């Protein structure tokens, strides 16, 4: 029984999502890292007609206490999103805390992958 609890705790504690960008082969993948070790996700070729854009993200997390009080946590940041040639959102590429940092990452990743930045 304790082994199951340890495995469940390790899964919850160490599993996270990430983005891996291969600039040499011009490809990227959105992946989940299970237990902090095993990477899962498929590579997507980045084509020259794709676009990269900075989008402001605002999320609110709400929790309720036993005394029926709410706690709201706001999370605001900027994300670099990869779009296909038709304007369809494909995947997030990076995350930044402020607009200057996001624009800097946009320029860097856009140059490395040789795609249009909007």
N, C-alpha and C. Protein backbone atom coordinates (compact mmCIF):
# COMPACT_ATOMS: atom_id res chain seq x y z
N UNK A 1 0.83 -1.20 0.00
CA UNK A 1 0.00 0.00 0.00
C UNK A 1 0.86 1.26 0.00
N UNK A 2 1.95 1.23 0.76
CA UNK A 2 2.80 2.41 0.83
C UNK A 2 3.52 2.67 -0.49
N UNK A 3 3.81 1.61 -1.25
CA UNK A 3 4.46 1.78 -2.55
C UNK A 3 3.54 2.53 -3.51
N UNK A 4 2.25 2.23 -3.44
CA UNK A 4 1.27 2.92 -4.29
C UNK A 4 1.23 4.40 -3.93
N UNK A 5 1.23 4.71 -2.66
CA UNK A 5 1.21 6.11 -2.23
C UNK A 5 2.48 6.84 -2.64
N UNK A 6 3.62 6.19 -2.54
CA UNK A 6 4.89 6.80 -2.95
C UNK A 6 4.90 7.05 -4.45
N UNK A 7 4.44 6.08 -5.25
CA UNK A 7 4.39 6.26 -6.70
C UNK A 7 3.41 7.37 -7.09
N UNK A 8 2.25 7.41 -6.44
CA UNK A 8 1.28 8.47 -6.73
C UNK A 8 1.84 9.84 -6.37
N UNK A 9 2.53 9.93 -5.25
CA UNK A 9 3.15 11.19 -4.85
C UNK A 9 4.26 11.62 -5.80
N UNK A 10 5.06 10.67 -6.24
CA UNK A 10 6.13 10.97 -7.20
C UNK A 10 5.55 11.42 -8.53
N UNK A 11 4.47 10.80 -8.96
CA UNK A 11 3.83 11.19 -10.21
C UNK A 11 3.30 12.62 -10.13
N UNK A 12 2.58 12.91 -9.06
CA UNK A 12 2.00 14.25 -8.89
C UNK A 12 3.10 15.29 -8.66
N UNK A 13 4.12 14.95 -7.91
CA UNK A 13 5.16 15.91 -7.57
C UNK A 13 6.13 16.24 -8.67
N UNK A 14 6.43 15.28 -9.52
CA UNK A 14 7.48 15.48 -10.52
C UNK A 14 7.00 15.58 -11.97
N UNK A 15 5.74 15.28 -12.25
CA UNK A 15 5.22 15.37 -13.61
C UNK A 15 4.92 16.83 -13.94
N UNK A 16 5.36 17.27 -15.11
CA UNK A 16 5.10 18.64 -15.56
C UNK A 16 5.06 18.70 -17.08
N UNK A 17 4.59 19.82 -17.60
CA UNK A 17 4.53 20.05 -19.05
C UNK A 17 5.67 20.96 -19.46
N UNK A 18 6.13 20.81 -20.70
CA UNK A 18 7.22 21.64 -21.19
C UNK A 18 7.14 21.72 -22.71
N UNK A 19 7.97 22.58 -23.28
CA UNK A 19 8.12 22.70 -24.72
C UNK A 19 9.58 22.52 -25.05
N UNK A 20 9.86 21.70 -26.05
CA UNK A 20 11.23 21.47 -26.49
C UNK A 20 11.34 21.96 -27.93
N UNK A 21 12.33 22.82 -28.19
CA UNK A 21 12.53 23.40 -29.51
C UNK A 21 13.88 22.94 -30.04
N UNK A 22 13.87 22.34 -31.23
CA UNK A 22 15.09 21.92 -31.90
C UNK A 22 15.33 22.88 -33.06
N UNK A 23 16.23 23.85 -32.86
CA UNK A 23 16.45 24.88 -33.88
C UNK A 23 17.22 24.36 -35.08
N UNK A 24 18.04 23.35 -34.89
CA UNK A 24 18.82 22.80 -36.01
C UNK A 24 17.92 22.10 -37.03
N UNK A 25 16.97 21.33 -36.54
CA UNK A 25 16.07 20.58 -37.43
C UNK A 25 14.76 21.31 -37.66
N UNK A 26 14.60 22.49 -37.07
CA UNK A 26 13.40 23.33 -37.20
C UNK A 26 12.13 22.54 -36.84
N UNK A 27 12.10 22.10 -35.60
CA UNK A 27 10.93 21.36 -35.11
C UNK A 27 10.73 21.69 -33.64
N UNK A 28 9.52 21.42 -33.16
CA UNK A 28 9.18 21.69 -31.76
C UNK A 28 8.18 20.64 -31.29
N UNK A 29 8.12 20.46 -29.99
CA UNK A 29 7.12 19.55 -29.45
C UNK A 29 6.68 20.02 -28.07
N UNK A 30 5.38 19.90 -27.83
CA UNK A 30 4.80 20.13 -26.52
C UNK A 30 4.78 18.78 -25.84
N UNK A 31 5.37 18.67 -24.67
CA UNK A 31 5.50 17.36 -24.06
C UNK A 31 5.15 17.38 -22.58
N UNK A 32 4.81 16.21 -22.08
CA UNK A 32 4.63 15.98 -20.66
C UNK A 32 5.81 15.15 -20.18
N UNK A 33 6.40 15.56 -19.08
CA UNK A 33 7.52 14.83 -18.51
C UNK A 33 6.98 14.05 -17.31
N UNK A 34 6.80 12.75 -17.49
CA UNK A 34 6.23 11.90 -16.44
C UNK A 34 7.30 11.52 -15.43
N UNK A 35 6.99 11.67 -14.17
CA UNK A 35 7.91 11.39 -13.05
C UNK A 35 9.19 12.21 -13.15
N UNK A 36 9.20 13.26 -13.98
CA UNK A 36 10.39 14.07 -14.15
C UNK A 36 11.46 13.43 -15.02
N UNK A 37 11.15 12.29 -15.64
CA UNK A 37 12.14 11.54 -16.42
C UNK A 37 11.67 11.25 -17.83
N UNK A 38 10.50 10.63 -17.98
CA UNK A 38 10.00 10.13 -19.26
C UNK A 38 9.32 11.25 -20.04
N UNK A 39 9.85 11.57 -21.24
CA UNK A 39 9.28 12.62 -22.08
C UNK A 39 8.31 12.01 -23.08
N UNK A 40 7.10 12.57 -23.14
CA UNK A 40 6.10 12.11 -24.08
C UNK A 40 5.65 13.29 -24.94
N UNK A 41 5.45 13.08 -26.21
CA UNK A 41 5.00 14.14 -27.11
C UNK A 41 5.57 13.91 -28.49
N UNK A 42 4.87 14.40 -29.50
CA UNK A 42 5.30 14.21 -30.88
C UNK A 42 5.93 15.48 -31.41
N UNK A 43 6.98 15.31 -32.22
CA UNK A 43 7.64 16.44 -32.86
C UNK A 43 6.77 16.99 -33.97
N UNK A 44 6.77 18.31 -34.11
CA UNK A 44 6.05 18.99 -35.18
C UNK A 44 7.06 19.82 -35.96
N UNK A 45 7.09 19.64 -37.26
CA UNK A 45 8.00 20.41 -38.09
C UNK A 45 7.50 21.86 -38.18
N UNK A 46 8.40 22.82 -37.98
CA UNK A 46 8.06 24.23 -38.07
C UNK A 46 8.33 24.67 -39.51
N UNK A 47 7.26 25.05 -40.20
CA UNK A 47 7.36 25.43 -41.60
C UNK A 47 7.50 26.94 -41.72
N UNK A 48 8.07 27.42 -42.83
CA UNK A 48 8.28 28.88 -42.99
C UNK A 48 6.99 29.70 -43.02
N UNK A 49 5.84 29.09 -43.37
CA UNK A 49 4.59 29.85 -43.42
C UNK A 49 3.89 29.94 -42.06
N UNK A 50 4.45 29.35 -41.01
CA UNK A 50 3.88 29.44 -39.67
C UNK A 50 4.22 30.80 -39.06
N UNK A 51 3.45 31.17 -38.04
CA UNK A 51 3.63 32.48 -37.41
C UNK A 51 3.76 32.32 -35.90
N UNK A 52 4.45 33.27 -35.29
CA UNK A 52 4.65 33.29 -33.84
C UNK A 52 4.12 34.61 -33.31
N UNK A 53 3.30 34.55 -32.27
CA UNK A 53 2.65 35.75 -31.76
C UNK A 53 2.67 35.77 -30.23
N UNK A 54 2.78 36.98 -29.65
CA UNK A 54 2.70 37.16 -28.20
C UNK A 54 1.24 37.39 -27.83
N UNK A 55 0.74 36.62 -26.86
CA UNK A 55 -0.64 36.73 -26.39
C UNK A 55 -0.62 36.89 -24.88
N UNK A 56 -1.42 37.83 -24.38
CA UNK A 56 -1.53 38.02 -22.93
C UNK A 56 -2.47 36.96 -22.36
N UNK A 57 -2.05 36.34 -21.28
CA UNK A 57 -2.84 35.29 -20.64
C UNK A 57 -3.20 35.73 -19.22
N UNK A 58 -4.44 35.55 -18.87
CA UNK A 58 -4.90 35.86 -17.51
C UNK A 58 -5.77 34.71 -17.03
N UNK A 59 -5.32 34.05 -15.97
CA UNK A 59 -6.06 32.93 -15.40
C UNK A 59 -6.32 33.22 -13.93
N UNK A 60 -7.47 32.77 -13.46
CA UNK A 60 -7.81 32.92 -12.05
C UNK A 60 -8.10 31.54 -11.47
N UNK A 61 -7.42 31.24 -10.38
CA UNK A 61 -7.62 29.97 -9.68
C UNK A 61 -8.44 30.27 -8.43
N UNK A 62 -9.52 29.52 -8.21
CA UNK A 62 -10.42 29.78 -7.08
C UNK A 62 -10.47 28.56 -6.18
N UNK A 63 -10.39 28.82 -4.89
CA UNK A 63 -10.46 27.77 -3.89
C UNK A 63 -11.49 28.17 -2.83
N UNK A 64 -12.20 27.20 -2.32
CA UNK A 64 -13.20 27.45 -1.28
C UNK A 64 -12.74 26.82 0.02
N UNK A 65 -12.87 27.55 1.11
CA UNK A 65 -12.48 27.03 2.41
C UNK A 65 -13.68 26.34 3.06
N UNK A 66 -13.42 25.71 4.19
CA UNK A 66 -14.50 25.04 4.91
C UNK A 66 -15.55 26.00 5.42
N UNK A 67 -15.17 27.25 5.66
CA UNK A 67 -16.10 28.27 6.14
C UNK A 67 -16.79 29.00 5.01
N UNK A 68 -16.78 28.43 3.81
CA UNK A 68 -17.43 28.97 2.63
C UNK A 68 -16.86 30.34 2.22
N UNK A 69 -15.55 30.50 2.40
CA UNK A 69 -14.86 31.70 1.93
C UNK A 69 -14.07 31.35 0.69
N UNK A 70 -13.99 32.30 -0.21
CA UNK A 70 -13.27 32.03 -1.46
C UNK A 70 -11.90 32.70 -1.43
N UNK A 71 -10.96 32.06 -2.08
CA UNK A 71 -9.63 32.60 -2.26
C UNK A 71 -9.34 32.56 -3.76
N UNK A 72 -9.17 33.74 -4.35
CA UNK A 72 -8.87 33.84 -5.77
C UNK A 72 -7.41 34.20 -5.96
N UNK A 73 -6.74 33.45 -6.83
CA UNK A 73 -5.34 33.72 -7.16
C UNK A 73 -5.28 34.04 -8.65
N UNK A 74 -4.85 35.26 -8.97
CA UNK A 74 -4.73 35.69 -10.36
C UNK A 74 -3.33 35.39 -10.87
N UNK A 75 -3.25 34.85 -12.08
CA UNK A 75 -1.98 34.55 -12.71
C UNK A 75 -1.99 35.22 -14.08
N UNK A 76 -1.18 36.28 -14.23
CA UNK A 76 -1.13 37.01 -15.49
C UNK A 76 0.28 36.91 -16.06
N UNK A 77 0.37 36.54 -17.33
CA UNK A 77 1.66 36.45 -18.00
C UNK A 77 1.45 36.59 -19.51
N UNK A 78 2.54 36.47 -20.24
CA UNK A 78 2.50 36.55 -21.70
C UNK A 78 3.02 35.23 -22.26
N UNK A 79 2.36 34.75 -23.32
CA UNK A 79 2.75 33.48 -23.93
C UNK A 79 3.05 33.67 -25.40
N UNK A 80 4.04 32.95 -25.89
CA UNK A 80 4.35 32.92 -27.31
C UNK A 80 3.64 31.71 -27.90
N UNK A 81 2.74 31.98 -28.84
CA UNK A 81 1.91 30.93 -29.42
C UNK A 81 2.32 30.72 -30.87
N UNK A 82 2.42 29.47 -31.28
CA UNK A 82 2.73 29.11 -32.66
C UNK A 82 1.42 28.87 -33.40
N UNK A 83 1.26 29.56 -34.55
CA UNK A 83 0.07 29.43 -35.39
C UNK A 83 0.47 28.83 -36.74
N UNK A 84 -0.47 28.12 -37.35
CA UNK A 84 -0.21 27.60 -38.70
C UNK A 84 -0.51 28.68 -39.73
N UNK A 85 -0.41 28.35 -41.01
CA UNK A 85 -0.59 29.34 -42.07
C UNK A 85 -2.03 29.86 -42.15
N UNK A 86 -3.00 29.11 -41.63
CA UNK A 86 -4.40 29.53 -41.65
C UNK A 86 -4.81 30.30 -40.40
N UNK A 87 -3.88 30.50 -39.46
CA UNK A 87 -4.18 31.22 -38.23
C UNK A 87 -4.70 30.35 -37.11
N UNK A 88 -4.59 29.03 -37.25
CA UNK A 88 -5.04 28.10 -36.22
C UNK A 88 -3.95 27.95 -35.16
N UNK A 89 -4.34 28.06 -33.91
CA UNK A 89 -3.40 27.94 -32.79
C UNK A 89 -2.89 26.50 -32.69
N UNK A 90 -1.56 26.34 -32.70
CA UNK A 90 -0.97 25.01 -32.64
C UNK A 90 -0.48 24.65 -31.25
N UNK A 91 0.41 25.48 -30.68
CA UNK A 91 0.95 25.17 -29.36
C UNK A 91 1.61 26.39 -28.74
N UNK A 92 1.67 26.45 -27.42
CA UNK A 92 2.45 27.51 -26.78
C UNK A 92 3.94 27.16 -26.87
N UNK A 93 4.76 28.18 -27.13
CA UNK A 93 6.20 27.94 -27.30
C UNK A 93 7.01 28.40 -26.10
N UNK A 94 6.57 29.47 -25.43
CA UNK A 94 7.30 29.99 -24.27
C UNK A 94 6.36 30.84 -23.43
N UNK A 95 6.81 31.14 -22.22
CA UNK A 95 6.03 31.94 -21.29
C UNK A 95 6.94 33.00 -20.70
N UNK A 96 6.41 34.22 -20.52
CA UNK A 96 7.20 35.32 -19.96
C UNK A 96 6.36 36.11 -18.96
N UNK A 97 7.03 36.73 -18.00
CA UNK A 97 6.31 37.48 -16.97
C UNK A 97 5.89 38.87 -17.41
N UNK A 98 6.67 39.50 -18.31
CA UNK A 98 6.30 40.84 -18.77
C UNK A 98 6.44 40.94 -20.28
N UNK A 99 5.94 42.04 -20.84
CA UNK A 99 5.90 42.20 -22.29
C UNK A 99 7.29 42.33 -22.90
N UNK A 100 8.21 43.01 -22.22
CA UNK A 100 9.57 43.16 -22.75
C UNK A 100 10.27 41.81 -22.88
N UNK A 101 10.14 41.00 -21.87
CA UNK A 101 10.73 39.65 -21.90
C UNK A 101 10.09 38.81 -23.01
N UNK A 102 8.78 38.94 -23.17
CA UNK A 102 8.06 38.19 -24.21
C UNK A 102 8.52 38.61 -25.60
N UNK A 103 8.68 39.92 -25.82
CA UNK A 103 9.14 40.40 -27.13
C UNK A 103 10.57 39.96 -27.41
N UNK A 104 11.39 39.91 -26.38
CA UNK A 104 12.76 39.44 -26.53
C UNK A 104 12.78 37.96 -26.94
N UNK A 105 11.98 37.14 -26.27
CA UNK A 105 11.88 35.72 -26.62
C UNK A 105 11.29 35.53 -28.01
N UNK A 106 10.33 36.39 -28.38
CA UNK A 106 9.71 36.32 -29.69
C UNK A 106 10.76 36.55 -30.79
N UNK A 107 11.60 37.57 -30.61
CA UNK A 107 12.63 37.86 -31.60
C UNK A 107 13.64 36.73 -31.69
N UNK A 108 14.05 36.19 -30.55
CA UNK A 108 15.05 35.12 -30.53
C UNK A 108 14.53 33.85 -31.19
N UNK A 109 13.36 33.40 -30.78
CA UNK A 109 12.80 32.16 -31.32
C UNK A 109 12.41 32.34 -32.78
N UNK A 110 11.88 33.50 -33.13
CA UNK A 110 11.50 33.77 -34.52
C UNK A 110 12.71 33.72 -35.46
N UNK A 111 13.83 34.29 -35.03
CA UNK A 111 15.04 34.25 -35.85
C UNK A 111 15.59 32.83 -35.96
N UNK A 112 15.61 32.11 -34.85
CA UNK A 112 16.16 30.76 -34.84
C UNK A 112 15.37 29.81 -35.73
N UNK A 113 14.03 29.96 -35.74
CA UNK A 113 13.20 29.07 -36.53
C UNK A 113 12.86 29.65 -37.90
N UNK A 114 13.25 30.90 -38.13
CA UNK A 114 13.03 31.58 -39.41
C UNK A 114 11.55 31.60 -39.79
N UNK A 115 10.72 32.10 -38.85
CA UNK A 115 9.28 32.23 -39.10
C UNK A 115 8.85 33.66 -38.84
N UNK A 116 7.67 34.01 -39.38
CA UNK A 116 7.14 35.36 -39.25
C UNK A 116 6.66 35.61 -37.83
N UNK A 117 6.89 36.82 -37.34
CA UNK A 117 6.47 37.21 -36.00
C UNK A 117 5.39 38.27 -36.13
N UNK A 118 4.24 38.04 -35.48
CA UNK A 118 3.14 39.01 -35.53
C UNK A 118 2.80 39.48 -34.14
